Amino acid sequence: MKIIVSILVLASLLLITSSLASATISDAFSSGAVAPAPEIKYGPTLEKWCGQKCEGRCKSAGMKDRCLKYCAICCKDCQCVPSGTYGNKHECACYRDKLSSKGTPKCP
């Protein structure tokens, strides 16, 4: 009886560790990670990079022109844009923490 219980416990531990390892590996290689801005801190290269990232971020926004405006402001200040069209702000803390004068989130 002890042998059967030991085998079940060992099998459970192996299953848990393998699932944790695969989750860690898939998180490390996921394509949704935020891309860092180019090393240039200002100028047309940063503006072009921000424009491309903000275009993707705002593609499904209801007020696209406003989204692009504020995304560009945030991108130039923070030099990063979260992946996807909504959410994922944890990928870029500066982008997440920027507030308007009314205390609401500034970045889309």
PDB file of N, CA and C in Angstrom:
ATOM      1  N   MET A   1       0.831  -1.187   0.000  1.00  0.00           N
ATOM      2  CA  MET A   1       0.000   0.000   0.000  1.00  0.00           C
ATOM      3  C   MET A   1       0.879   1.256   0.000  1.00  0.00           C
ATOM      4  N   LYS A   2       1.950   1.256   0.779  1.00  0.00           N
ATOM      5  CA  LYS A   2       2.849   2.395   0.822  1.00  0.00           C
ATOM      6  C   LYS A   2       3.515   2.624  -0.527  1.00  0.00           C
ATOM      7  N   ILE A   3       3.806   1.572  -1.241  1.00  0.00           N
ATOM      8  CA  ILE A   3       4.462   1.685  -2.543  1.00  0.00           C
ATOM      9  C   ILE A   3       3.523   2.365  -3.540  1.00  0.00           C
ATOM     10  N   ILE A   4       2.255   2.005  -3.522  1.00  0.00           N
ATOM     11  CA  ILE A   4       1.284   2.597  -4.442  1.00  0.00           C
ATOM     12  C   ILE A   4       1.122   4.096  -4.155  1.00  0.00           C
ATOM     13  N   VAL A   5       1.033   4.452  -2.878  1.00  0.00           N
ATOM     14  CA  VAL A   5       0.903   5.857  -2.502  1.00  0.00           C
ATOM     15  C   VAL A   5       2.162   6.629  -2.914  1.00  0.00           C
ATOM     16  N   SER A   6       3.322   6.043  -2.715  1.00  0.00           N
ATOM     17  CA  SER A   6       4.581   6.691  -3.097  1.00  0.00           C
ATOM     18  C   SER A   6       4.647   6.909  -4.605  1.00  0.00           C
ATOM     19  N   ILE A   7       4.223   5.931  -5.365  1.00  0.00           N
ATOM     20  CA  ILE A   7       4.231   6.051  -6.827  1.00  0.00           C
ATOM     21  C   ILE A   7       3.266   7.147  -7.276  1.00  0.00           C
ATOM     22  N   LEU A   8       2.096   7.219  -6.675  1.00  0.00           N
ATOM     23  CA  LEU A   8       1.123   8.258  -7.027  1.00  0.00           C
ATOM     24  C   LEU A   8       1.649   9.657  -6.692  1.00  0.00           C
ATOM     25  N   VAL A   9       2.286   9.800  -5.538  1.00  0.00           N
ATOM     26  CA  VAL A   9       2.850  11.097  -5.147  1.00  0.00           C
ATOM     27  C   VAL A   9       3.961  11.492  -6.114  1.00  0.00           C
ATOM     28  N   LEU A  10       4.828  10.567  -6.447  1.00  0.00           N
ATOM     29  CA  LEU A  10       5.922  10.838  -7.384  1.00  0.00           C
ATOM     30  C   LEU A  10       5.386  11.215  -8.767  1.00  0.00           C
ATOM     31  N   ALA A  11       4.388  10.494  -9.237  1.00  0.00           N
ATOM     32  CA  ALA A  11       3.794  10.798 -10.543  1.00  0.00           C
ATOM     33  C   ALA A  11       3.150  12.183 -10.533  1.00  0.00           C
ATOM     34  N   SER A  12       2.495  12.530  -9.437  1.00  0.00           N
ATOM     35  CA  SER A  12       1.871  13.856  -9.325  1.00  0.00           C
ATOM     36  C   SER A  12       2.919  14.959  -9.363  1.00  0.00           C
ATOM     37  N   LEU A  13       4.001  14.768  -8.644  1.00  0.00           N
ATOM     38  CA  LEU A  13       5.071  15.762  -8.633  1.00  0.00           C
ATOM     39  C   LEU A  13       5.694  15.931 -10.014  1.00  0.00           C
ATOM     40  N   LEU A  14       5.910  14.841 -10.716  1.00  0.00           N
ATOM     41  CA  LEU A  14       6.464  14.918 -12.064  1.00  0.00           C
ATOM     42  C   LEU A  14       5.516  15.652 -13.005  1.00  0.00           C
ATOM     43  N   LEU A  15       4.247  15.390 -12.886  1.00  0.00           N
ATOM     44  CA  LEU A  15       3.262  16.050 -13.731  1.00  0.00           C
ATOM     45  C   LEU A  15       3.218  17.548 -13.457  1.00  0.00           C
ATOM     46  N   ILE A  16       3.245  17.928 -12.201  1.00  0.00           N
ATOM     47  CA  ILE A  16       3.205  19.341 -11.825  1.00  0.00           C
ATOM     48  C   ILE A  16       4.455  20.071 -12.305  1.00  0.00           C
ATOM     49  N   THR A  17       5.626  19.487 -12.084  1.00  0.00           N
ATOM     50  CA  THR A  17       6.866  20.156 -12.488  1.00  0.00           C
ATOM     51  C   THR A  17       6.965  20.270 -14.006  1.00  0.00           C
ATOM     52  N   SER A  18       6.498  19.276 -14.740  1.00  0.00           N
ATOM     53  CA  SER A  18       6.564  19.361 -16.201  1.00  0.00           C
ATOM     54  C   SER A  18       5.605  20.421 -16.730  1.00  0.00           C
ATOM     55  N   SER A  19       4.439  20.556 -16.119  1.00  0.00           N
ATOM     56  CA  SER A  19       3.504  21.583 -16.582  1.00  0.00           C
ATOM     57  C   SER A  19       4.019  22.982 -16.238  1.00  0.00           C
ATOM     58  N   LEU A  20       4.661  23.142 -15.086  1.00  0.00           N
ATOM     59  CA  LEU A  20       5.240  24.440 -14.727  1.00  0.00           C
ATOM     60  C   LEU A  20       6.386  24.797 -15.659  1.00  0.00           C
ATOM     61  N   ALA A  21       7.199  23.818 -16.000  1.00  0.00           N
ATOM     62  CA  ALA A  21       8.327  24.072 -16.890  1.00  0.00           C
ATOM     63  C   ALA A  21       7.846  24.466 -18.281  1.00  0.00           C
ATOM     64  N   SER A  22       6.825  23.815 -18.784  1.00  0.00           N
ATOM     65  CA  SER A  22       6.327  24.162 -20.119  1.00  0.00           C
ATOM     66  C   SER A  22       5.663  25.531 -20.111  1.00  0.00           C
ATOM     67  N   ALA A  23       4.991  25.901 -19.029  1.00  0.00           N
ATOM     68  CA  ALA A  23       4.383  27.228 -18.943  1.00  0.00           C
ATOM     69  C   ALA A  23       5.459  28.307 -18.912  1.00  0.00           C
ATOM     70  N   THR A  24       6.529  28.076 -18.196  1.00  0.00           N
ATOM     71  CA  THR A  24       7.625  29.044 -18.121  1.00  0.00           C
ATOM     72  C   THR A  24       8.292  29.208 -19.478  1.00  0.00           C
ATOM     73  N   ILE A  25       8.514  28.117 -20.167  1.00  0.00           N
ATOM     74  CA  ILE A  25       9.152  28.171 -21.478  1.00  0.00           C
ATOM     75  C   ILE A  25       8.255  28.890 -22.472  1.00  0.00           C
ATOM     76  N   SER A  26       6.958  28.608 -22.468  1.00  0.00           N
ATOM     77  CA  SER A  26       6.068  29.271 -23.418  1.00  0.00           C
ATOM     78  C   SER A  26       5.947  30.755 -23.124  1.00  0.00           C
ATOM     79  N   ASP A  27       5.997  31.171 -21.854  1.00  0.00           N
ATOM     80  CA  ASP A  27       5.959  32.594 -21.524  1.00  0.00           C
ATOM     81  C   ASP A  27       7.210  33.302 -22.000  1.00  0.00           C
ATOM     82  N   ALA A  28       8.338  32.631 -21.914  1.00  0.00           N
ATOM     83  CA  ALA A  28       9.603  33.246 -22.296  1.00  0.00           C
ATOM     84  C   ALA A  28       9.689  33.469 -23.801  1.00  0.00           C
ATOM     85  N   PHE A  29       9.056  32.606 -24.587  1.00  0.00           N
ATOM     86  CA  PHE A  29       9.160  32.700 -26.032  1.00  0.00           C
ATOM     87  C   PHE A  29       7.884  33.185 -26.696  1.00  0.00           C
ATOM     88  N   SER A  30       6.953  33.723 -25.939  1.00  0.00           N
ATOM     89  CA  SER A  30       5.711  34.192 -26.544  1.00  0.00           C
ATOM     90  C   SER A  30       5.986  35.421 -27.396  1.00  0.00           C
ATOM     91  N   SER A  31       5.209  35.562 -28.455  1.00  0.00           N
ATOM     92  CA  SER A  31       5.434  36.675 -29.375  1.00  0.00           C
ATOM     93  C   SER A  31       4.760  37.953 -28.911  1.00  0.00           C
ATOM     94  N   GLY A  32       4.016  37.937 -27.819  1.00  0.00           N
ATOM     95  CA  GLY A  32       3.306  39.106 -27.356  1.00  0.00           C
ATOM     96  C   GLY A  32       4.130  40.040 -26.488  1.00  0.00           C
ATOM     97  N   ALA A  33       5.400  39.768 -26.334  1.00  0.00           N
ATOM     98  CA  ALA A  33       6.231  40.603 -25.467  1.00  0.00           C
ATOM     99  C   ALA A  33       6.406  41.983 -26.081  1.00  0.00           C
ATOM    100  N   VAL A  34       6.494  42.974 -25.223  1.00  0.00           N
ATOM    101  CA  VAL A  34       6.654  44.346 -25.687  1.00  0.00           C
ATOM    102  C   VAL A  34       8.058  44.534 -26.241  1.00  0.00           C
ATOM    103  N   ALA A  35       8.129  45.174 -27.401  1.00  0.00           N
ATOM    104  CA  ALA A  35       9.420  45.413 -28.033  1.00  0.00           C
ATOM    105  C   ALA A  35      10.009  46.718 -27.515  1.00  0.00           C
ATOM    106  N   PRO A  36      11.273  46.725 -27.168  1.00  0.00           N
ATOM    107  CA  PRO A  36      11.878  47.975 -26.693  1.00  0.00           C
ATOM    108  C   PRO A  36      12.047  48.954 -27.849  1.00  0.00           C
ATOM    109  N   ALA A  37      12.049  50.222 -27.517  1.00  0.00           N
ATOM    110  CA  ALA A  37      12.245  51.264 -28.522  1.00  0.00           C
ATOM    111  C   ALA A  37      13.681  51.235 -29.019  1.00  0.00           C
ATOM    112  N   PRO A  38      13.924  51.809 -30.174  1.00  0.00           N
ATOM    113  CA  PRO A  38      15.309  51.883 -30.652  1.00  0.00           C
ATOM    114  C   PRO A  38      16.154  52.713 -29.694  1.00  0.00           C
ATOM    115  N   GLU A  39      17.435  52.560 -29.791  1.00  0.00           N
ATOM    116  CA  GLU A  39      18.354  53.248 -28.881  1.00  0.00           C
ATOM    117  C   GLU A  39      18.317  54.768 -29.042  1.00  0.00           C
ATOM    118  N   ILE A  40      17.837  55.247 -30.169  1.00  0.00           N
ATOM    119  CA  ILE A  40      17.759  56.686 -30.397  1.00  0.00           C
ATOM    120  C   ILE A  40      16.640  57.248 -29.544  1.00  0.00           C
ATOM    121  N   LYS A  41      16.933  58.240 -28.720  1.00  0.00           N
ATOM    122  CA  LYS A  41      15.980  58.758 -27.744  1.00  0.00           C
ATOM    123  C   LYS A  41      15.057  59.825 -28.324  1.00  0.00           C
ATOM    124  N   TYR A  42      15.315  60.326 -29.513  1.00  0.00           N
ATOM    125  CA  TYR A  42      14.497  61.369 -30.108  1.00  0.00           C
ATOM    126  C   TYR A  42      14.704  61.348 -31.607  1.00  0.00           C
ATOM    127  N   GLY A  43      13.918  62.130 -32.314  1.00  0.00           N
ATOM    128  CA  GLY A  43      14.109  62.277 -33.747  1.00  0.00           C
ATOM    129  C   GLY A  43      13.196  61.412 -34.575  1.00  0.00           C
ATOM    130  N   PRO A  44      13.442  61.416 -35.894  1.00  0.00           N
ATOM    131  CA  PRO A  44      12.546  60.726 -36.817  1.00  0.00           C
ATOM    132  C   PRO A  44      12.526  59.206 -36.644  1.00  0.00           C
ATOM    133  N   THR A  45      13.610  58.605 -36.196  1.00  0.00           N
ATOM    134  CA  THR A  45      13.619  57.158 -36.009  1.00  0.00           C
ATOM    135  C   THR A  45      12.654  56.744 -34.912  1.00  0.00           C
ATOM    136  N   LEU A  46      12.669  57.458 -33.794  1.00  0.00           N
ATOM    137  CA  LEU A  46      11.743  57.166 -32.699  1.00  0.00           C
ATOM    138  C   LEU A  46      10.306  57.458 -33.124  1.00  0.00           C
ATOM    139  N   GLU A  47      10.098  58.563 -33.860  1.00  0.00           N
ATOM    140  CA  GLU A  47       8.749  58.898 -34.317  1.00  0.00           C
ATOM    141  C   GLU A  47       8.202  57.834 -35.258  1.00  0.00           C
ATOM    142  N   LYS A  48       9.040  57.329 -36.149  1.00  0.00           N
ATOM    143  CA  LYS A  48       8.611  56.275 -37.076  1.00  0.00           C
ATOM    144  C   LYS A  48       8.277  55.006 -36.308  1.00  0.00           C
ATOM    145  N   TRP A  49       9.124  54.640 -35.349  1.00  0.00           N
ATOM    146  CA  TRP A  49       8.899  53.438 -34.548  1.00  0.00           C
ATOM    147  C   TRP A  49       7.595  53.571 -33.755  1.00  0.00           C
ATOM    148  N   CYS A  50       7.409  54.736 -33.123  1.00  0.00           N
ATOM    149  CA  CYS A  50       6.187  54.974 -32.346  1.00  0.00           C
ATOM    150  C   CYS A  50       4.958  54.955 -33.248  1.00  0.00           C
ATOM    151  N   GLY A  51       5.084  55.534 -34.430  1.00  0.00           N
ATOM    152  CA  GLY A  51       3.963  55.556 -35.365  1.00  0.00           C
ATOM    153  C   GLY A  51       3.507  54.159 -35.739  1.00  0.00           C
ATOM    154  N   GLN A  52       4.463  53.278 -35.999  1.00  0.00           N
ATOM    155  CA  GLN A  52       4.129  51.899 -36.361  1.00  0.00           C
ATOM    156  C   GLN A  52       3.477  51.175 -35.192  1.00  0.00           C
ATOM    157  N   LYS A  53       4.051  51.328 -33.997  1.00  0.00           N
ATOM    158  CA  LYS A  53       3.505  50.649 -32.826  1.00  0.00           C
ATOM    159  C   LYS A  53       2.125  51.184 -32.459  1.00  0.00           C
ATOM    160  N   CYS A  54       1.946  52.490 -32.540  1.00  0.00           N
ATOM    161  CA  CYS A  54       0.658  53.091 -32.190  1.00  0.00           C
ATOM    162  C   CYS A  54      -0.409  52.761 -33.227  1.00  0.00           C
ATOM    163  N   GLU A  55      -0.019  52.634 -34.473  1.00  0.00           N
ATOM    164  CA  GLU A  55      -0.968  52.245 -35.512  1.00  0.00           C
ATOM    165  C   GLU A  55      -1.553  50.867 -35.190  1.00  0.00           C
ATOM    166  N   GLY A  56      -0.699  49.952 -34.766  1.00  0.00           N
ATOM    167  CA  GLY A  56      -1.174  48.628 -34.365  1.00  0.00           C
ATOM    168  C   GLY A  56      -2.012  48.666 -33.102  1.00  0.00           C
ATOM    169  N   ARG A  57      -1.606  49.501 -32.153  1.00  0.00           N
ATOM    170  CA  ARG A  57      -2.325  49.619 -30.877  1.00  0.00           C
ATOM    171  C   ARG A  57      -3.719  50.213 -31.071  1.00  0.00           C
ATOM    172  N   CYS A  58      -3.845  51.163 -31.986  1.00  0.00           N
ATOM    173  CA  CYS A  58      -5.099  51.919 -32.149  1.00  0.00           C
ATOM    174  C   CYS A  58      -5.952  51.440 -33.321  1.00  0.00           C
ATOM    175  N   LYS A  59      -5.595  50.327 -33.946  1.00  0.00           N
ATOM    176  CA  LYS A  59      -6.301  49.931 -35.165  1.00  0.00           C
ATOM    177  C   LYS A  59      -7.781  49.636 -34.951  1.00  0.00           C
ATOM    178  N   SER A  60      -8.197  49.251 -33.752  1.00  0.00           N
ATOM    179  CA  SER A  60      -9.615  48.977 -33.530  1.00  0.00           C
ATOM    180  C   SER A  60     -10.261  49.972 -32.573  1.00  0.00           C
ATOM    181  N   ALA A  61      -9.622  51.119 -32.379  1.00  0.00           N
ATOM    182  CA  ALA A  61     -10.160  52.135 -31.470  1.00  0.00           C
ATOM    183  C   ALA A  61     -11.346  52.853 -32.109  1.00  0.00           C
ATOM    184  N   GLY A  62     -12.294  53.237 -31.288  1.00  0.00           N
ATOM    185  CA  GLY A  62     -13.456  53.969 -31.779  1.00  0.00           C
ATOM    186  C   GLY A  62     -13.079  55.361 -32.258  1.00  0.00           C
ATOM    187  N   MET A  63     -12.215  56.033 -31.527  1.00  0.00           N
ATOM    188  CA  MET A  63     -11.721  57.362 -31.906  1.00  0.00           C
ATOM    189  C   MET A  63     -10.245  57.224 -32.241  1.00  0.00           C
ATOM    190  N   LYS A  64      -9.982  56.757 -33.436  1.00  0.00           N
ATOM    191  CA  LYS A  64      -8.622  56.405 -33.824  1.00  0.00           C
ATOM    192  C   LYS A  64      -7.676  57.598 -33.784  1.00  0.00           C
ATOM    193  N   ASP A  65      -8.130  58.774 -34.230  1.00  0.00           N
ATOM    194  CA  ASP A  65      -7.243  59.935 -34.249  1.00  0.00           C
ATOM    195  C   ASP A  65      -6.815  60.335 -32.842  1.00  0.00           C
ATOM    196  N   ARG A  66      -7.723  60.280 -31.898  1.00  0.00           N
ATOM    197  CA  ARG A  66      -7.392  60.608 -30.507  1.00  0.00           C
ATOM    198  C   ARG A  66      -6.470  59.544 -29.910  1.00  0.00           C
ATOM    199  N   CYS A  67      -6.755  58.290 -30.211  1.00  0.00           N
ATOM    200  CA  CYS A  67      -5.909  57.194 -29.722  1.00  0.00           C
ATOM    201  C   CYS A  67      -4.478  57.358 -30.236  1.00  0.00           C
ATOM    202  N   LEU A  68      -4.336  57.643 -31.528  1.00  0.00           N
ATOM    203  CA  LEU A  68      -3.004  57.814 -32.113  1.00  0.00           C
ATOM    204  C   LEU A  68      -2.265  58.992 -31.488  1.00  0.00           C
ATOM    205  N   LYS A  69      -2.991  60.084 -31.228  1.00  0.00           N
ATOM    206  CA  LYS A  69      -2.372  61.270 -30.637  1.00  0.00           C
ATOM    207  C   LYS A  69      -1.785  60.959 -29.268  1.00  0.00           C
ATOM    208  N   TYR A  70      -2.594  60.366 -28.396  1.00  0.00           N
ATOM    209  CA  TYR A  70      -2.126  60.105 -27.037  1.00  0.00           C
ATOM    210  C   TYR A  70      -1.136  58.948 -26.982  1.00  0.00           C
ATOM    211  N   CYS A  71      -1.300  57.990 -27.847  1.00  0.00           N
ATOM    212  CA  CYS A  71      -0.333  56.890 -27.904  1.00  0.00           C
ATOM    213  C   CYS A  71       1.040  57.426 -28.307  1.00  0.00           C
ATOM    214  N   ALA A  72       1.074  58.340 -29.281  1.00  0.00           N
ATOM    215  CA  ALA A  72       2.355  58.914 -29.724  1.00  0.00           C
ATOM    216  C   ALA A  72       3.015  59.707 -28.604  1.00  0.00           C
ATOM    217  N   ILE A  73       2.217  60.476 -27.855  1.00  0.00           N
ATOM    218  CA  ILE A  73       2.763  61.242 -26.731  1.00  0.00           C
ATOM    219  C   ILE A  73       3.380  60.299 -25.708  1.00  0.00           C
ATOM    220  N   CYS A  74       2.634  59.254 -25.354  1.00  0.00           N
ATOM    221  CA  CYS A  74       3.111  58.299 -24.351  1.00  0.00           C
ATOM    222  C   CYS A  74       4.332  57.527 -24.850  1.00  0.00           C
ATOM    223  N   CYS A  75       4.319  57.157 -26.120  1.00  0.00           N
ATOM    224  CA  CYS A  75       5.437  56.400 -26.683  1.00  0.00           C
ATOM    225  C   CYS A  75       6.723  57.221 -26.668  1.00  0.00           C
ATOM    226  N   LYS A  76       6.632  58.498 -27.007  1.00  0.00           N
ATOM    227  CA  LYS A  76       7.830  59.355 -27.016  1.00  0.00           C
ATOM    228  C   LYS A  76       8.382  59.542 -25.605  1.00  0.00           C
ATOM    229  N   ASP A  77       7.488  59.643 -24.621  1.00  0.00           N
ATOM    230  CA  ASP A  77       7.940  59.800 -23.236  1.00  0.00           C
ATOM    231  C   ASP A  77       8.470  58.490 -22.663  1.00  0.00           C
ATOM    232  N   CYS A  78       7.743  57.401 -22.893  1.00  0.00           N
ATOM    233  CA  CYS A  78       8.064  56.109 -22.264  1.00  0.00           C
ATOM    234  C   CYS A  78       8.965  55.225 -23.119  1.00  0.00           C
ATOM    235  N   GLN A  79       8.989  55.470 -24.412  1.00  0.00           N
ATOM    236  CA  GLN A  79       9.748  54.683 -25.374  1.00  0.00           C
ATOM    237  C   GLN A  79       9.358  53.216 -25.365  1.00  0.00           C
ATOM    238  N   CYS A  80       8.075  52.968 -25.178  1.00  0.00           N
ATOM    239  CA  CYS A  80       7.530  51.623 -25.330  1.00  0.00           C
ATOM    240  C   CYS A  80       6.033  51.728 -25.529  1.00  0.00           C
ATOM    241  N   VAL A  81       5.461  50.707 -26.176  1.00  0.00           N
ATOM    242  CA  VAL A  81       4.022  50.612 -26.389  1.00  0.00           C
ATOM    243  C   VAL A  81       3.638  49.172 -26.095  1.00  0.00           C
ATOM    244  N   PRO A  82       2.624  48.939 -25.249  1.00  0.00           N
ATOM    245  CA  PRO A  82       2.203  47.565 -24.955  1.00  0.00           C
ATOM    246  C   PRO A  82       1.696  46.851 -26.210  1.00  0.00           C
ATOM    247  N   SER A  83       1.802  45.560 -26.222  1.00  0.00           N
ATOM    248  CA  SER A  83       1.331  44.773 -27.355  1.00  0.00           C
ATOM    249  C   SER A  83      -0.189  44.706 -27.354  1.00  0.00           C
ATOM    250  N   GLY A  84      -0.751  44.392 -28.500  1.00  0.00           N
ATOM    251  CA  GLY A  84      -2.192  44.243 -28.620  1.00  0.00           C
ATOM    252  C   GLY A  84      -2.902  45.564 -28.816  1.00  0.00           C
ATOM    253  N   THR A  85      -4.231  45.489 -28.912  1.00  0.00           N
ATOM    254  CA  THR A  85      -5.022  46.688 -29.149  1.00  0.00           C
ATOM    255  C   THR A  85      -5.632  47.241 -27.869  1.00  0.00           C
ATOM    256  N   TYR A  86      -5.565  46.489 -26.783  1.00  0.00           N
ATOM    257  CA  TYR A  86      -6.135  46.942 -25.514  1.00  0.00           C
ATOM    258  C   TYR A  86      -5.482  46.163 -24.382  1.00  0.00           C
ATOM    259  N   GLY A  87      -5.298  46.796 -23.255  1.00  0.00           N
ATOM    260  CA  GLY A  87      -4.727  46.105 -22.098  1.00  0.00           C
ATOM    261  C   GLY A  87      -3.231  45.905 -22.231  1.00  0.00           C
ATOM    262  N   ASN A  88      -2.724  44.908 -21.556  1.00  0.00           N
ATOM    263  CA  ASN A  88      -1.300  44.550 -21.538  1.00  0.00           C
ATOM    264  C   ASN A  88      -0.414  45.693 -21.058  1.00  0.00           C
ATOM    265  N   LYS A  89      -0.978  46.638 -20.321  1.00  0.00           N
ATOM    266  CA  LYS A  89      -0.190  47.789 -19.870  1.00  0.00           C
ATOM    267  C   LYS A  89       0.874  47.402 -18.854  1.00  0.00           C
ATOM    268  N   HIS A  90       0.788  46.203 -18.306  1.00  0.00           N
ATOM    269  CA  HIS A  90       1.829  45.738 -17.381  1.00  0.00           C
ATOM    270  C   HIS A  90       3.176  45.588 -18.094  1.00  0.00           C
ATOM    271  N   GLU A  91       3.163  45.509 -19.415  1.00  0.00           N
ATOM    272  CA  GLU A  91       4.402  45.365 -20.175  1.00  0.00           C
ATOM    273  C   GLU A  91       5.229  46.652 -20.189  1.00  0.00           C
ATOM    274  N   CYS A  92       4.594  47.770 -19.927  1.00  0.00           N
ATOM    275  CA  CYS A  92       5.280  49.067 -19.975  1.00  0.00           C
ATOM    276  C   CYS A  92       4.782  49.919 -18.809  1.00  0.00           C
ATOM    277  N   ALA A  93       5.524  49.932 -17.727  1.00  0.00           N
ATOM    278  CA  ALA A  93       5.078  50.593 -16.495  1.00  0.00           C
ATOM    279  C   ALA A  93       4.879  52.095 -16.689  1.00  0.00           C
ATOM    280  N   CYS A  94       5.761  52.757 -17.394  1.00  0.00           N
ATOM    281  CA  CYS A  94       5.635  54.200 -17.628  1.00  0.00           C
ATOM    282  C   CYS A  94       4.338  54.491 -18.377  1.00  0.00           C
ATOM    283  N   TYR A  95       4.062  53.718 -19.394  1.00  0.00           N
ATOM    284  CA  TYR A  95       2.846  53.862 -20.206  1.00  0.00           C
ATOM    285  C   TYR A  95       1.613  53.657 -19.326  1.00  0.00           C
ATOM    286  N   ARG A  96       1.675  52.679 -18.455  1.00  0.00           N
ATOM    287  CA  ARG A  96       0.557  52.358 -17.565  1.00  0.00           C
ATOM    288  C   ARG A  96       0.320  53.462 -16.529  1.00  0.00           C
ATOM    289  N   ASP A  97       1.383  54.073 -16.023  1.00  0.00           N
ATOM    290  CA  ASP A  97       1.273  55.000 -14.904  1.00  0.00           C
ATOM    291  C   ASP A  97       1.056  56.457 -15.305  1.00  0.00           C
ATOM    292  N   LYS A  98       1.123  56.786 -16.583  1.00  0.00           N
ATOM    293  CA  LYS A  98       0.901  58.175 -17.012  1.00  0.00           C
ATOM    294  C   LYS A  98      -0.562  58.545 -16.787  1.00  0.00           C
ATOM    295  N   LEU A  99      -0.790  59.701 -16.158  1.00  0.00           N
ATOM    296  CA  LEU A  99      -2.148  60.160 -15.867  1.00  0.00           C
ATOM    297  C   LEU A  99      -2.392  61.524 -16.495  1.00  0.00           C
ATOM    298  N   SER A 100      -3.645  61.778 -16.843  1.00  0.00           N
ATOM    299  CA  SER A 100      -4.032  63.092 -17.354  1.00  0.00           C
ATOM    300  C   SER A 100      -4.170  64.059 -16.180  1.00  0.00           C
ATOM    301  N   SER A 101      -4.475  65.311 -16.494  1.00  0.00           N
ATOM    302  CA  SER A 101      -4.651  66.297 -15.417  1.00  0.00           C
ATOM    303  C   SER A 101      -5.857  65.987 -14.546  1.00  0.00           C
ATOM    304  N   LYS A 102      -6.779  65.167 -15.078  1.00  0.00           N
ATOM    305  CA  LYS A 102      -7.966  64.764 -14.305  1.00  0.00           C
ATOM    306  C   LYS A 102      -7.725  63.503 -13.479  1.00  0.00           C
ATOM    307  N   GLY A 103      -6.546  62.923 -13.585  1.00  0.00           N
ATOM    308  CA  GLY A 103      -6.225  61.729 -12.820  1.00  0.00           C
ATOM    309  C   GLY A 103      -6.632  60.431 -13.490  1.00  0.00           C
ATOM    310  N   THR A 104      -7.055  60.490 -14.745  1.00  0.00           N
ATOM    311  CA  THR A 104      -7.426  59.285 -15.482  1.00  0.00           C
ATOM    312  C   THR A 104      -6.232  58.826 -16.314  1.00  0.00           C
ATOM    313  N   PRO A 105      -6.198  57.570 -16.720  1.00  0.00           N
ATOM    314  CA  PRO A 105      -5.070  57.089 -17.535  1.00  0.00           C
ATOM    315  C   PRO A 105      -4.955  57.888 -18.843  1.00  0.00           C
ATOM    316  N   LYS A 106      -3.757  58.320 -19.151  1.00  0.00           N
ATOM    317  CA  LYS A 106      -3.533  59.142 -20.335  1.00  0.00           C
ATOM    318  C   LYS A 106      -3.325  58.283 -21.586  1.00  0.00           C
ATOM    319  N   CYS A 107      -2.658  57.156 -21.413  1.00  0.00           N
ATOM    320  CA  CYS A 107      -2.258  56.357 -22.563  1.00  0.00           C
ATOM    321  C   CYS A 107      -3.310  55.304 -22.896  1.00  0.00           C
ATOM    322  N   PRO A 108      -3.610  55.175 -24.193  1.00  0.00           N
ATOM    323  CA  PRO A 108      -4.632  54.186 -24.599  1.00  0.00           C
ATOM    324  C   PRO A 108      -4.125  52.762 -24.534  1.00  0.00           C
TER     325      PRO A 108
END
